[in-house]
Amino acid sequence: MAAGGLSVLFCGINPSLMSGATGHHFARPGNRFWPVLHLSGFTPRLLRPSEQGELLSYGLGITNVVARATARADELSDEEFREGGRLLTAKVERLRPRWLAVVGVTAYRTAFGEKKARIGPQERTIGDTRVWALPNPSGLNAHWTAETMAQEYGRLRAAAFATEDRRP
């Protein structure tokens, strides 16, 4: 595990209204984060949003780019994303996970000013932390299936838990 104890810090875009009300990440029914996390091998069983605290036992953490809850991520302004990127950078510098996994490439592009970023490992690092952009598991992201998302999340898992520290 990384110095801060986390192999991967997953970072959603922002809380849904349901997540904001419950305090649980990816709580909206139909969001595929928890099933994809399990299908990709990060967790040995399917966790419920209310069990998010168990992620720590697997070397995983969870946060958001923007703290404000909205019905849809497109309600956020570019400035909110950029400020979220600044706050996220400070959090990563403090926690020092091995990988930061931003769940949503469009959010990553806006928060970090990386307009041409694609899904996968990024050139950017934050200190020693490497960055990976993952597909957004929202049900609105219909061109990614749970299976194809699980393959991409699995690539990150393989890199995060590789015995040697090397770029994928």
Protein backbone atom coordinates (compact mmCIF):
# COMPACT_ATOMS: atom_id res chain seq x y z
CA MET A 1 0.00 0.00 0.00
CA ALA A 2 0.99 3.62 -0.46
CA ALA A 3 2.44 5.67 2.38
CA GLY A 4 -0.99 7.03 3.31
CA GLY A 5 -2.39 3.51 3.36
CA LEU A 6 -4.39 3.71 0.13
CA SER A 7 -3.59 1.92 -3.08
CA VAL A 8 -6.42 3.67 -4.94
CA LEU A 9 -8.44 6.75 -4.08
CA PHE A 10 -11.57 6.67 -6.24
CA CYS A 11 -12.95 10.10 -7.02
CA GLY A 12 -16.50 10.56 -8.25
CA ILE A 13 -17.70 13.71 -9.95
CA ASN A 14 -20.07 14.95 -7.22
CA PRO A 15 -22.77 13.45 -5.01
CA SER A 16 -26.18 12.73 -6.46
CA LEU A 17 -29.10 14.10 -4.47
CA MET A 18 -29.54 10.62 -2.96
CA SER A 19 -25.84 10.41 -2.03
CA GLY A 20 -26.10 13.89 -0.53
CA ALA A 21 -29.09 12.80 1.55
CA THR A 22 -27.62 9.46 2.71
CA GLY A 23 -23.94 10.38 2.94
CA HIS A 24 -23.08 7.28 0.88
CA HIS A 25 -21.15 7.52 -2.38
CA PHE A 26 -22.80 6.26 -5.57
CA ALA A 27 -26.06 5.65 -3.68
CA ARG A 28 -28.47 6.24 -6.55
CA PRO A 29 -30.11 3.03 -7.80
CA GLY A 30 -28.88 2.31 -11.30
CA ASN A 31 -25.39 3.65 -10.64
CA ARG A 32 -23.00 0.87 -11.57
CA PHE A 33 -19.99 1.83 -9.43
CA TRP A 34 -20.44 -0.83 -6.74
CA PRO A 35 -21.20 -3.70 -9.17
CA VAL A 36 -18.26 -2.68 -11.41
CA LEU A 37 -15.93 -2.45 -8.41
CA HIS A 38 -16.83 -6.04 -7.58
CA LEU A 39 -16.78 -7.33 -11.20
CA SER A 40 -13.30 -5.84 -11.67
CA GLY A 41 -11.94 -7.67 -8.63
CA PHE A 42 -11.43 -4.69 -6.31
CA THR A 43 -13.86 -6.16 -3.75
CA PRO A 44 -14.51 -9.84 -3.01
CA ARG A 45 -18.26 -9.27 -2.90
CA LEU A 46 -20.77 -6.68 -4.05
CA LEU A 47 -20.83 -3.90 -1.46
CA ARG A 48 -23.84 -1.69 -0.81
CA PRO A 49 -23.27 2.08 -0.69
CA SER A 50 -23.88 1.95 3.07
CA GLU A 51 -20.85 -0.36 3.35
CA GLN A 52 -18.42 2.14 1.81
CA GLY A 53 -16.35 2.10 5.02
CA GLU A 54 -15.21 -1.43 4.13
CA LEU A 55 -13.22 -0.03 1.21
CA LEU A 56 -10.43 0.95 3.60
CA SER A 57 -9.80 -2.70 4.44
CA TYR A 58 -9.04 -3.28 0.73
CA GLY A 59 -6.65 -0.31 0.50
CA LEU A 60 -9.28 1.80 -1.24
CA GLY A 61 -10.73 5.24 -0.51
CA ILE A 62 -13.49 7.32 -2.01
CA THR A 63 -14.14 11.05 -2.47
CA ASN A 64 -15.56 13.51 -5.03
CA VAL A 65 -14.20 16.29 -7.24
CA VAL A 66 -17.04 18.62 -6.18
CA ALA A 67 -18.83 18.32 -2.83
CA ARG A 68 -22.14 19.94 -3.91
CA ALA A 69 -24.95 17.46 -4.52
CA THR A 70 -26.93 17.86 -7.74
CA ALA A 71 -29.46 15.86 -9.72
CA ARG A 72 -27.03 15.76 -12.68
CA ALA A 73 -23.32 16.49 -12.98
CA ASP A 74 -23.98 18.89 -15.88
CA GLU A 75 -25.46 21.30 -13.30
CA LEU A 76 -21.90 22.04 -12.09
CA SER A 77 -19.93 24.97 -13.48
CA ASP A 78 -16.44 24.72 -14.93
CA GLU A 79 -15.23 26.90 -12.05
CA GLU A 80 -16.65 24.40 -9.53
CA PHE A 81 -14.72 21.65 -11.33
CA ARG A 82 -11.48 23.68 -11.37
CA GLU A 83 -11.82 24.54 -7.67
CA GLY A 84 -12.61 20.87 -7.00
CA GLY A 85 -9.44 19.91 -8.84
CA ARG A 86 -7.42 22.27 -6.63
CA LEU A 87 -8.98 20.84 -3.45
CA LEU A 88 -8.55 17.27 -4.72
CA THR A 89 -4.88 17.92 -5.44
CA ALA A 90 -4.38 19.08 -1.84
CA LYS A 91 -6.22 15.99 -0.55
CA VAL A 92 -4.06 13.68 -2.67
CA GLU A 93 -0.89 15.44 -1.51
CA ARG A 94 -1.99 14.82 2.08
CA LEU A 95 -3.23 11.20 1.69
CA ARG A 96 -0.59 10.09 -0.85
CA PRO A 97 -2.48 7.16 -2.41
CA ARG A 98 -0.63 5.12 -5.01
CA TRP A 99 -3.31 5.96 -7.62
CA LEU A 100 -6.01 8.61 -7.95
CA ALA A 101 -8.84 7.17 -10.06
CA VAL A 102 -11.14 9.90 -11.38
CA VAL A 103 -14.47 8.30 -12.25
CA GLY A 104 -15.47 10.34 -15.29
CA VAL A 105 -13.02 11.49 -17.95
CA THR A 106 -14.98 14.67 -18.71
CA ALA A 107 -14.78 15.72 -15.05
CA TYR A 108 -11.06 14.95 -15.08
CA ARG A 109 -10.54 17.06 -18.22
CA THR A 110 -12.31 20.06 -16.72
CA ALA A 111 -10.94 19.80 -13.16
CA PHE A 112 -7.33 19.46 -14.29
CA GLY A 113 -7.34 21.36 -17.61
CA GLU A 114 -6.41 18.21 -19.57
CA LYS A 115 -8.69 18.74 -22.56
CA LYS A 116 -7.41 15.75 -24.55
CA ALA A 117 -7.35 13.19 -21.72
CA ARG A 118 -8.66 9.73 -22.52
CA ILE A 119 -9.75 6.82 -20.38
CA GLY A 120 -6.73 5.11 -18.84
CA PRO A 121 -3.50 6.11 -17.10
CA GLN A 122 -2.56 9.78 -17.39
CA GLU A 123 0.81 11.48 -17.71
CA ARG A 124 -0.04 13.76 -14.78
CA THR A 125 1.12 12.84 -11.31
CA ILE A 126 0.38 14.53 -8.00
CA GLY A 127 3.57 14.04 -6.03
CA ASP A 128 4.19 10.27 -6.27
CA THR A 129 0.49 9.56 -6.95
CA ARG A 130 -0.34 8.44 -10.46
CA VAL A 131 -3.68 9.31 -12.06
CA TRP A 132 -6.12 7.11 -13.98
CA ALA A 133 -9.31 8.33 -15.68
CA LEU A 134 -12.11 5.77 -15.52
CA PRO A 135 -15.50 5.65 -17.24
CA ASN A 136 -18.34 7.23 -15.30
CA PRO A 137 -20.56 4.43 -13.90
CA SER A 138 -23.73 6.53 -14.05
CA GLY A 139 -26.63 4.85 -15.81
CA LEU A 140 -26.61 7.88 -18.14
CA ASN A 141 -23.26 6.70 -19.56
CA ALA A 142 -24.90 4.07 -21.76
CA HIS A 143 -22.03 3.49 -24.20
CA TRP A 144 -20.10 1.70 -21.42
CA THR A 145 -21.58 -1.55 -20.14
CA ALA A 146 -20.87 -2.89 -16.67
CA GLU A 147 -18.65 -5.51 -18.32
CA THR A 148 -16.59 -3.08 -20.39
CA MET A 149 -16.24 -0.76 -17.39
CA ALA A 150 -15.13 -3.72 -15.25
CA GLN A 151 -12.39 -4.45 -17.81
CA GLU A 152 -11.05 -0.89 -17.53
CA TYR A 153 -11.33 -0.85 -13.74
CA GLY A 154 -9.55 -4.22 -13.78
CA ARG A 155 -6.63 -2.67 -15.70
CA LEU A 156 -6.29 -0.14 -12.90
CA ARG A 157 -6.55 -2.88 -10.26
CA ALA A 158 -3.73 -4.82 -11.93
CA ALA A 159 -1.55 -1.69 -11.99
CA ALA A 160 -2.41 -0.67 -8.44
CA PHE A 161 -1.65 -4.04 -6.92
CA ALA A 162 1.32 -5.02 -9.12
CA THR A 163 4.25 -6.27 -7.07
CA GLU A 164 6.69 -3.88 -8.71
CA ASP A 165 6.13 -0.17 -8.87
CA ARG A 166 6.03 0.56 -12.61
CA ARG A 167 3.87 2.50 -15.03
CA PRO A 168 1.27 0.38 -16.85
